[in-house]
Full PDB file with SEQRES, HELIX, SHEET, SSBOND, CRYST1, ORIGX, SCALE, CONECT and MASTER records, all heavy atoms in Angstrom:
SEQRES   1 A   35  PHE PRO TRP THR ARG PRO ALA GLY GLU ALA LEU GLY ASN          
SEQRES   2 A   35  TYR LEU GLY SER THR VAL LEU SER LEU GLY GLY SER LEU          
SEQRES   3 A   35  LEU ARG ALA VAL PRO ARG LEU PHE THR                          
HELIX    1 AA1 ARG A    5  PHE A   34  1                                  30    
CRYST1    1.000    1.000    1.000  90.00  90.00  90.00 P 1           1          
ORIGX1      1.000000  0.000000  0.000000        0.00000                         
ORIGX2      0.000000  1.000000  0.000000        0.00000                         
ORIGX3      0.000000  0.000000  1.000000        0.00000                         
SCALE1      1.000000  0.000000  0.000000        0.00000                         
SCALE2      0.000000  1.000000  0.000000        0.00000                         
SCALE3      0.000000  0.000000  1.000000        0.00000                         
ATOM      1  N   PHE A   1       0.853  -1.180   0.000  1.00  0.00           N  
ATOM      2  CA  PHE A   1       0.000   0.000   0.000  1.00  0.00           C  
ATOM      3  C   PHE A   1       0.896   1.239   0.000  1.00  0.00           C  
ATOM      4  O   PHE A   1       1.921   1.281   0.693  1.00  0.00           O  
ATOM      5  CB  PHE A   1      -0.906   0.015   1.233  1.00  0.00           C  
ATOM      6  CG  PHE A   1      -1.779  -1.209   1.337  1.00  0.00           C  
ATOM      7  CD1 PHE A   1      -1.386  -2.305   2.115  1.00  0.00           C  
ATOM      8  CD2 PHE A   1      -2.978  -1.290   0.636  1.00  0.00           C  
ATOM      9  CE1 PHE A   1      -2.179  -3.418   2.204  1.00  0.00           C  
ATOM     10  CE2 PHE A   1      -3.772  -2.415   0.730  1.00  0.00           C  
ATOM     11  CZ  PHE A   1      -3.384  -3.485   1.498  1.00  0.00           C  
ATOM     12  N   PRO A   2       0.496   2.249  -0.749  1.00  0.00           N  
ATOM     13  CA  PRO A   2       1.344   3.445  -0.858  1.00  0.00           C  
ATOM     14  C   PRO A   2       1.576   4.137   0.467  1.00  0.00           C  
ATOM     15  O   PRO A   2       2.692   4.628   0.727  1.00  0.00           O  
ATOM     16  CB  PRO A   2       0.553   4.346  -1.826  1.00  0.00           C  
ATOM     17  CG  PRO A   2      -0.304   3.415  -2.597  1.00  0.00           C  
ATOM     18  CD  PRO A   2      -0.668   2.298  -1.667  1.00  0.00           C  
ATOM     19  N   TRP A   3       0.554   4.193   1.308  1.00  0.00           N  
ATOM     20  CA  TRP A   3       0.704   4.911   2.580  1.00  0.00           C  
ATOM     21  C   TRP A   3       1.662   4.190   3.542  1.00  0.00           C  
ATOM     22  O   TRP A   3       2.313   4.837   4.354  1.00  0.00           O  
ATOM     23  CB  TRP A   3      -0.664   5.082   3.249  1.00  0.00           C  
ATOM     24  CG  TRP A   3      -1.572   6.052   2.531  1.00  0.00           C  
ATOM     25  CD1 TRP A   3      -2.475   5.774   1.546  1.00  0.00           C  
ATOM     26  CD2 TRP A   3      -1.627   7.447   2.758  1.00  0.00           C  
ATOM     27  NE1 TRP A   3      -3.110   6.897   1.109  1.00  0.00           N  
ATOM     28  CE2 TRP A   3      -2.601   7.966   1.851  1.00  0.00           C  
ATOM     29  CE3 TRP A   3      -0.977   8.342   3.584  1.00  0.00           C  
ATOM     30  CZ2 TRP A   3      -2.916   9.322   1.787  1.00  0.00           C  
ATOM     31  CZ3 TRP A   3      -1.305   9.673   3.516  1.00  0.00           C  
ATOM     32  CH2 TRP A   3      -2.250  10.169   2.630  1.00  0.00           C  
ATOM     33  N   THR A   4       1.696   2.895   3.478  1.00  0.00           N  
ATOM     34  CA  THR A   4       2.523   2.130   4.442  1.00  0.00           C  
ATOM     35  C   THR A   4       3.802   1.589   3.819  1.00  0.00           C  
ATOM     36  O   THR A   4       4.550   0.870   4.469  1.00  0.00           O  
ATOM     37  CB  THR A   4       1.708   0.948   4.997  1.00  0.00           C  
ATOM     38  OG1 THR A   4       1.263   0.125   3.905  1.00  0.00           O  
ATOM     39  CG2 THR A   4       0.514   1.449   5.807  1.00  0.00           C  
ATOM     40  N   ARG A   5       4.024   1.917   2.508  1.00  0.00           N  
ATOM     41  CA  ARG A   5       5.222   1.384   1.848  1.00  0.00           C  
ATOM     42  C   ARG A   5       6.516   1.794   2.566  1.00  0.00           C  
ATOM     43  O   ARG A   5       7.419   0.966   2.750  1.00  0.00           O  
ATOM     44  CB  ARG A   5       5.251   1.840   0.391  1.00  0.00           C  
ATOM     45  CG  ARG A   5       6.452   1.282  -0.393  1.00  0.00           C  
ATOM     46  CD  ARG A   5       6.447   1.845  -1.813  1.00  0.00           C  
ATOM     47  NE  ARG A   5       5.243   1.442  -2.505  1.00  0.00           N  
ATOM     48  CZ  ARG A   5       5.115   0.300  -3.161  1.00  0.00           C  
ATOM     49  NH1 ARG A   5       6.135  -0.547  -3.187  1.00  0.00           N  
ATOM     50  NH2 ARG A   5       4.001   0.004  -3.774  1.00  0.00           N  
ATOM     51  N   PRO A   6       6.677   3.066   3.010  1.00  0.00           N  
ATOM     52  CA  PRO A   6       7.944   3.418   3.704  1.00  0.00           C  
ATOM     53  C   PRO A   6       8.187   2.577   4.961  1.00  0.00           C  
ATOM     54  O   PRO A   6       9.326   2.175   5.232  1.00  0.00           O  
ATOM     55  CB  PRO A   6       7.742   4.895   4.048  1.00  0.00           C  
ATOM     56  CG  PRO A   6       6.770   5.399   3.034  1.00  0.00           C  
ATOM     57  CD  PRO A   6       5.822   4.250   2.801  1.00  0.00           C  
ATOM     58  N   ALA A   7       7.100   2.308   5.722  1.00  0.00           N  
ATOM     59  CA  ALA A   7       7.285   1.489   6.933  1.00  0.00           C  
ATOM     60  C   ALA A   7       7.688   0.067   6.577  1.00  0.00           C  
ATOM     61  O   ALA A   7       8.567  -0.542   7.215  1.00  0.00           O  
ATOM     62  CB  ALA A   7       5.996   1.492   7.753  1.00  0.00           C  
ATOM     63  N   GLY A   8       7.074  -0.513   5.532  1.00  0.00           N  
ATOM     64  CA  GLY A   8       7.443  -1.864   5.111  1.00  0.00           C  
ATOM     65  C   GLY A   8       8.868  -1.947   4.621  1.00  0.00           C  
ATOM     66  O   GLY A   8       9.601  -2.903   4.915  1.00  0.00           O  
ATOM     67  N   GLU A   9       9.275  -0.898   3.830  1.00  0.00           N  
ATOM     68  CA  GLU A   9      10.665  -0.905   3.354  1.00  0.00           C  
ATOM     69  C   GLU A   9      11.648  -0.742   4.514  1.00  0.00           C  
ATOM     70  O   GLU A   9      12.739  -1.336   4.517  1.00  0.00           O  
ATOM     71  CB  GLU A   9      10.844   0.219   2.342  1.00  0.00           C  
ATOM     72  CG  GLU A   9      10.091  -0.022   1.039  1.00  0.00           C  
ATOM     73  CD  GLU A   9      10.240   1.136   0.076  1.00  0.00           C  
ATOM     74  OE1 GLU A   9      10.777   2.182   0.525  1.00  0.00           O  
ATOM     75  OE2 GLU A   9       9.852   0.987  -1.101  1.00  0.00           O  
ATOM     76  N   ALA A  10      11.269   0.068   5.534  1.00  0.00           N  
ATOM     77  CA  ALA A  10      12.151   0.230   6.702  1.00  0.00           C  
ATOM     78  C   ALA A  10      12.313  -1.086   7.446  1.00  0.00           C  
ATOM     79  O   ALA A  10      13.417  -1.444   7.882  1.00  0.00           O  
ATOM     80  CB  ALA A  10      11.576   1.307   7.624  1.00  0.00           C  
ATOM     81  N   LEU A  11      11.209  -1.831   7.606  1.00  0.00           N  
ATOM     82  CA  LEU A  11      11.310  -3.140   8.274  1.00  0.00           C  
ATOM     83  C   LEU A  11      12.201  -4.080   7.487  1.00  0.00           C  
ATOM     84  O   LEU A  11      13.044  -4.802   8.040  1.00  0.00           O  
ATOM     85  CB  LEU A  11       9.912  -3.745   8.449  1.00  0.00           C  
ATOM     86  CG  LEU A  11       8.988  -3.073   9.468  1.00  0.00           C  
ATOM     87  CD1 LEU A  11       7.619  -3.746   9.456  1.00  0.00           C  
ATOM     88  CD2 LEU A  11       9.593  -3.144  10.868  1.00  0.00           C  
ATOM     89  N   GLY A  12      12.050  -4.088   6.174  1.00  0.00           N  
ATOM     90  CA  GLY A  12      12.882  -4.965   5.359  1.00  0.00           C  
ATOM     91  C   GLY A  12      14.344  -4.577   5.402  1.00  0.00           C  
ATOM     92  O   GLY A  12      15.230  -5.438   5.482  1.00  0.00           O  
ATOM     93  N   ASN A  13      14.602  -3.248   5.307  1.00  0.00           N  
ATOM     94  CA  ASN A  13      16.005  -2.798   5.364  1.00  0.00           C  
ATOM     95  C   ASN A  13      16.648  -3.133   6.708  1.00  0.00           C  
ATOM     96  O   ASN A  13      17.833  -3.507   6.768  1.00  0.00           O  
ATOM     97  CB  ASN A  13      16.068  -1.290   5.114  1.00  0.00           C  
ATOM     98  CG  ASN A  13      15.687  -0.935   3.677  1.00  0.00           C  
ATOM     99  OD1 ASN A  13      15.831  -1.756   2.774  1.00  0.00           O  
ATOM    100  ND2 ASN A  13      15.199   0.287   3.466  1.00  0.00           N  
ATOM    101  N   TYR A  14      15.879  -2.986   7.788  1.00  0.00           N  
ATOM    102  CA  TYR A  14      16.439  -3.295   9.116  1.00  0.00           C  
ATOM    103  C   TYR A  14      16.797  -4.771   9.229  1.00  0.00           C  
ATOM    104  O   TYR A  14      17.867  -5.128   9.730  1.00  0.00           O  
ATOM    105  CB  TYR A  14      15.429  -2.910  10.196  1.00  0.00           C  
ATOM    106  CG  TYR A  14      15.898  -3.244  11.594  1.00  0.00           C  
ATOM    107  CD1 TYR A  14      16.851  -2.469  12.235  1.00  0.00           C  
ATOM    108  CD2 TYR A  14      15.397  -4.372  12.258  1.00  0.00           C  
ATOM    109  CE1 TYR A  14      17.294  -2.776  13.502  1.00  0.00           C  
ATOM    110  CE2 TYR A  14      15.840  -4.694  13.525  1.00  0.00           C  
ATOM    111  CZ  TYR A  14      16.781  -3.906  14.143  1.00  0.00           C  
ATOM    112  OH  TYR A  14      17.225  -4.228  15.400  1.00  0.00           O  
ATOM    113  N   LEU A  15      15.890  -5.634   8.725  1.00  0.00           N  
ATOM    114  CA  LEU A  15      16.178  -7.070   8.776  1.00  0.00           C  
ATOM    115  C   LEU A  15      17.396  -7.405   7.929  1.00  0.00           C  
ATOM    116  O   LEU A  15      18.283  -8.160   8.338  1.00  0.00           O  
ATOM    117  CB  LEU A  15      14.953  -7.843   8.294  1.00  0.00           C  
ATOM    118  CG  LEU A  15      15.106  -9.369   8.269  1.00  0.00           C  
ATOM    119  CD1 LEU A  15      15.370  -9.909   9.676  1.00  0.00           C  
ATOM    120  CD2 LEU A  15      13.853 -10.024   7.675  1.00  0.00           C  
ATOM    121  N   GLY A  16      17.463  -6.789   6.734  1.00  0.00           N  
ATOM    122  CA  GLY A  16      18.603  -7.076   5.865  1.00  0.00           C  
ATOM    123  C   GLY A  16      19.921  -6.589   6.446  1.00  0.00           C  
ATOM    124  O   GLY A  16      20.935  -7.295   6.398  1.00  0.00           O  
ATOM    125  N   SER A  17      19.899  -5.369   6.998  1.00  0.00           N  
ATOM    126  CA  SER A  17      21.138  -4.838   7.572  1.00  0.00           C  
ATOM    127  C   SER A  17      21.574  -5.650   8.783  1.00  0.00           C  
ATOM    128  O   SER A  17      22.785  -5.858   9.002  1.00  0.00           O  
ATOM    129  CB  SER A  17      20.932  -3.378   7.960  1.00  0.00           C  
ATOM    130  OG  SER A  17      19.912  -3.253   8.949  1.00  0.00           O  
ATOM    131  N   THR A  18      20.590  -6.113   9.559  1.00  0.00           N  
ATOM    132  CA  THR A  18      20.953  -6.928  10.724  1.00  0.00           C  
ATOM    133  C   THR A  18      21.590  -8.242  10.303  1.00  0.00           C  
ATOM    134  O   THR A  18      22.611  -8.673  10.858  1.00  0.00           O  
ATOM    135  CB  THR A  18      19.712  -7.202  11.584  1.00  0.00           C  
ATOM    136  OG1 THR A  18      19.130  -5.957  11.986  1.00  0.00           O  
ATOM    137  CG2 THR A  18      20.061  -8.022  12.808  1.00  0.00           C  
ATOM    138  N   VAL A  19      21.006  -8.888   9.302  1.00  0.00           N  
ATOM    139  CA  VAL A  19      21.562 -10.164   8.827  1.00  0.00           C  
ATOM    140  C   VAL A  19      22.951  -9.950   8.239  1.00  0.00           C  
ATOM    141  O   VAL A  19      23.887 -10.730   8.491  1.00  0.00           O  
ATOM    142  CB  VAL A  19      20.616 -10.787   7.778  1.00  0.00           C  
ATOM    143  CG1 VAL A  19      21.264 -12.007   7.122  1.00  0.00           C  
ATOM    144  CG2 VAL A  19      19.302 -11.190   8.432  1.00  0.00           C  
ATOM    145  N   LEU A  20      23.108  -8.865   7.444  1.00  0.00           N  
ATOM    146  CA  LEU A  20      24.425  -8.589   6.867  1.00  0.00           C  
ATOM    147  C   LEU A  20      25.460  -8.274   7.945  1.00  0.00           C  
ATOM    148  O   LEU A  20      26.623  -8.677   7.851  1.00  0.00           O  
ATOM    149  CB  LEU A  20      24.311  -7.420   5.890  1.00  0.00           C  
ATOM    150  CG  LEU A  20      23.552  -7.711   4.586  1.00  0.00           C  
ATOM    151  CD1 LEU A  20      23.436  -6.437   3.751  1.00  0.00           C  
ATOM    152  CD2 LEU A  20      24.240  -8.808   3.790  1.00  0.00           C  
ATOM    153  N   SER A  21      25.022  -7.535   8.996  1.00  0.00           N  
ATOM    154  CA  SER A  21      25.959  -7.196  10.073  1.00  0.00           C  
ATOM    155  C   SER A  21      26.403  -8.443  10.825  1.00  0.00           C  
ATOM    156  O   SER A  21      27.596  -8.618  11.110  1.00  0.00           O  
ATOM    157  CB  SER A  21      25.292  -6.212  11.035  1.00  0.00           C  
ATOM    158  OG  SER A  21      26.134  -5.940  12.137  1.00  0.00           O  
ATOM    159  N   LEU A  22      25.432  -9.325  11.118  1.00  0.00           N  
ATOM    160  CA  LEU A  22      25.802 -10.570  11.808  1.00  0.00           C  
ATOM    161  C   LEU A  22      26.696 -11.435  10.947  1.00  0.00           C  
ATOM    162  O   LEU A  22      27.677 -12.017  11.412  1.00  0.00           O  
ATOM    163  CB  LEU A  22      24.540 -11.343  12.206  1.00  0.00           C  
ATOM    164  CG  LEU A  22      23.675 -10.718  13.310  1.00  0.00           C  
ATOM    165  CD1 LEU A  22      22.400 -11.532  13.510  1.00  0.00           C  
ATOM    166  CD2 LEU A  22      24.456 -10.635  14.611  1.00  0.00           C  
ATOM    167  N   GLY A  23      26.361 -11.531   9.655  1.00  0.00           N  
ATOM    168  CA  GLY A  23      27.192 -12.327   8.757  1.00  0.00           C  
ATOM    169  C   GLY A  23      28.600 -11.758   8.647  1.00  0.00           C  
ATOM    170  O   GLY A  23      29.592 -12.509   8.650  1.00  0.00           O  
ATOM    171  N   GLY A  24      28.688 -10.408   8.548  1.00  0.00           N  
ATOM    172  CA  GLY A  24      30.005  -9.792   8.482  1.00  0.00           C  
ATOM    173  C   GLY A  24      30.815 -10.019   9.752  1.00  0.00           C  
ATOM    174  O   GLY A  24      32.025 -10.264   9.698  1.00  0.00           O  
ATOM    175  N   SER A  25      30.126  -9.933  10.902  1.00  0.00           N  
ATOM    176  CA  SER A  25      30.824 -10.165  12.171  1.00  0.00           C  
ATOM    177  C   SER A  25      31.357 -11.592  12.244  1.00  0.00           C  
ATOM    178  O   SER A  25      32.477 -11.833  12.710  1.00  0.00           O  
ATOM    179  CB  SER A  25      29.877  -9.882  13.336  1.00  0.00           C  
ATOM    180  OG  SER A  25      29.448  -8.532  13.323  1.00  0.00           O  
ATOM    181  N   LEU A  26      30.538 -12.541  11.764  1.00  0.00           N  
ATOM    182  CA  LEU A  26      30.989 -13.936  11.785  1.00  0.00           C  
ATOM    183  C   LEU A  26      32.175 -14.136  10.851  1.00  0.00           C  
ATOM    184  O   LEU A  26      33.137 -14.842  11.188  1.00  0.00           O  
ATOM    185  CB  LEU A  26      29.835 -14.859  11.385  1.00  0.00           C  
ATOM    186  CG  LEU A  26      28.693 -14.983  12.410  1.00  0.00           C  
ATOM    187  CD1 LEU A  26      27.574 -15.852  11.858  1.00  0.00           C  
ATOM    188  CD2 LEU A  26      29.210 -15.569  13.717  1.00  0.00           C  
ATOM    189  N   LEU A  27      32.110 -13.516   9.685  1.00  0.00           N  
ATOM    190  CA  LEU A  27      33.222 -13.670   8.745  1.00  0.00           C  
ATOM    191  C   LEU A  27      34.500 -13.035   9.286  1.00  0.00           C  
ATOM    192  O   LEU A  27      35.599 -13.579   9.113  1.00  0.00           O  
ATOM    193  CB  LEU A  27      32.842 -13.046   7.401  1.00  0.00           C  
ATOM    194  CG  LEU A  27      31.759 -13.788   6.593  1.00  0.00           C  
ATOM    195  CD1 LEU A  27      31.418 -13.026   5.323  1.00  0.00           C  
ATOM    196  CD2 LEU A  27      32.218 -15.210   6.253  1.00  0.00           C  
ATOM    197  N   ARG A  28      34.340 -11.850   9.932  1.00  0.00           N  
ATOM    198  CA  ARG A  28      35.532 -11.213  10.506  1.00  0.00           C  
ATOM    199  C   ARG A  28      36.084 -11.979  11.698  1.00  0.00           C  
ATOM    200  O   ARG A  28      37.267 -11.868  12.020  1.00  0.00           O  
ATOM    201  CB  ARG A  28      35.181  -9.776  10.925  1.00  0.00           C  
ATOM    202  CG  ARG A  28      34.980  -8.828   9.760  1.00  0.00           C  
ATOM    203  CD  ARG A  28      34.912  -7.388  10.232  1.00  0.00           C  
ATOM    204  NE  ARG A  28      33.785  -7.180  11.127  1.00  0.00           N  
ATOM    205  CZ  ARG A  28      32.564  -6.818  10.727  1.00  0.00           C  
ATOM    206  NH1 ARG A  28      32.323  -6.652   9.417  1.00  0.00           N  
ATOM    207  NH2 ARG A  28      31.600  -6.629  11.594  1.00  0.00           N  
ATOM    208  N   ALA A  29      35.203 -12.749  12.375  1.00  0.00           N  
ATOM    209  CA  ALA A  29      35.649 -13.499  13.550  1.00  0.00           C  
ATOM    210  C   ALA A  29      36.371 -14.789  13.191  1.00  0.00           C  
ATOM    211  O   ALA A  29      37.084 -15.350  14.025  1.00  0.00           O  
ATOM    212  CB  ALA A  29      34.459 -13.816  14.447  1.00  0.00           C  
ATOM    213  N   VAL A  30      36.195 -15.262  11.939  1.00  0.00           N  
ATOM    214  CA  VAL A  30      36.811 -16.538  11.549  1.00  0.00           C  
ATOM    215  C   VAL A  30      38.324 -16.505  11.691  1.00  0.00           C  
ATOM    216  O   VAL A  30      38.933 -17.417  12.275  1.00  0.00           O  
ATOM    217  CB  VAL A  30      36.378 -16.917  10.119  1.00  0.00           C  
ATOM    218  CG1 VAL A  30      37.210 -18.095   9.599  1.00  0.00           C  
ATOM    219  CG2 VAL A  30      34.906 -17.287  10.100  1.00  0.00           C  
ATOM    220  N   PRO A  31      39.035 -15.477  11.174  1.00  0.00           N  
ATOM    221  CA  PRO A  31      40.499 -15.461  11.363  1.00  0.00           C  
ATOM    222  C   PRO A  31      40.905 -15.411  12.831  1.00  0.00           C  
ATOM    223  O   PRO A  31      41.886 -16.049  13.237  1.00  0.00           O  
ATOM    224  CB  PRO A  31      40.935 -14.188  10.626  1.00  0.00           C  
ATOM    225  CG  PRO A  31      39.841 -13.912   9.653  1.00  0.00           C  
ATOM    226  CD  PRO A  31      38.585 -14.354  10.327  1.00  0.00           C  
ATOM    227  N   ARG A  32      40.133 -14.664  13.654  1.00  0.00           N  
ATOM    228  CA  ARG A  32      40.455 -14.606  15.084  1.00  0.00           C  
ATOM    229  C   ARG A  32      40.256 -15.963  15.750  1.00  0.00           C  
ATOM    230  O   ARG A  32      41.093 -16.400  16.560  1.00  0.00           O  
ATOM    231  CB  ARG A  32      39.583 -13.563  15.765  1.00  0.00           C  
ATOM    232  CG  ARG A  32      39.899 -12.127  15.367  1.00  0.00           C  
ATOM    233  CD  ARG A  32      39.163 -11.165  16.258  1.00  0.00           C  
ATOM    234  NE  ARG A  32      39.603  -9.799  16.079  1.00  0.00           N  
ATOM    235  CZ  ARG A  32      39.302  -8.804  16.901  1.00  0.00           C  
ATOM    236  NH1 ARG A  32      38.543  -9.040  17.963  1.00  0.00           N  
ATOM    237  NH2 ARG A  32      39.751  -7.580  16.669  1.00  0.00           N  
ATOM    238  N   LEU A  33      39.162 -16.605  15.404  1.00  0.00           N  
ATOM    239  CA  LEU A  33      38.912 -17.924  15.990  1.00  0.00           C  
ATOM    240  C   LEU A  33      39.981 -18.926  15.561  1.00  0.00           C  
ATOM    241  O   LEU A  33      40.402 -19.784  16.355  1.00  0.00           O  
ATOM    242  CB  LEU A  33      37.520 -18.427  15.587  1.00  0.00           C  
ATOM    243  CG  LEU A  33      36.335 -17.613  16.136  1.00  0.00           C  
ATOM    244  CD1 LEU A  33      35.020 -18.159  15.589  1.00  0.00           C  
ATOM    245  CD2 LEU A  33      36.324 -17.642  17.661  1.00  0.00           C  
ATOM    246  N   PHE A  34      40.418 -18.827  14.314  1.00  0.00           N  
ATOM    247  CA  PHE A  34      41.493 -19.712  13.852  1.00  0.00           C  
ATOM    248  C   PHE A  34      42.784 -19.442  14.612  1.00  0.00           C  
ATOM    249  O   PHE A  34      43.523 -20.369  14.957  1.00  0.00           O  
ATOM    250  CB  PHE A  34      41.699 -19.528  12.347  1.00  0.00           C  
ATOM    251  CG  PHE A  34      42.805 -20.392  11.799  1.00  0.00           C  
ATOM    252  CD1 PHE A  34      42.611 -21.749  11.590  1.00  0.00           C  
ATOM    253  CD2 PHE A  34      44.054 -19.846  11.518  1.00  0.00           C  
ATOM    254  CE1 PHE A  34      43.635 -22.541  11.100  1.00  0.00           C  
ATOM    255  CE2 PHE A  34      45.077 -20.632  11.024  1.00  0.00           C  
ATOM    256  CZ  PHE A  34      44.863 -21.991  10.814  1.00  0.00           C  
ATOM    257  N   THR A  35      43.064 -18.156  14.870  1.00  0.00           N  
ATOM    258  CA  THR A  35      44.265 -17.808  15.642  1.00  0.00           C  
ATOM    259  C   THR A  35      44.186 -18.373  17.060  1.00  0.00           C  
ATOM    260  O   THR A  35      45.174 -18.912  17.581  1.00  0.00           O  
ATOM    261  CB  THR A  35      44.433 -16.287  15.699  1.00  0.00           C  
ATOM    262  OG1 THR A  35      44.475 -15.761  14.358  1.00  0.00           O  
ATOM    263  CG2 THR A  35      45.696 -15.901  16.441  1.00  0.00           C  
TER     264      THR A  35                                                      
MASTER        0    0    0    1    0    0    0    6  263    1    0    3          
END                                                                             
């Protein structure tokens, strides 16, 4: 719906950024864990 589209996109962006942040943290932690 046009009126609620910004809220829906914000929810989607938040979920995507959270997943990307967690994935990035895990990838950055791999060399440390190996060390």
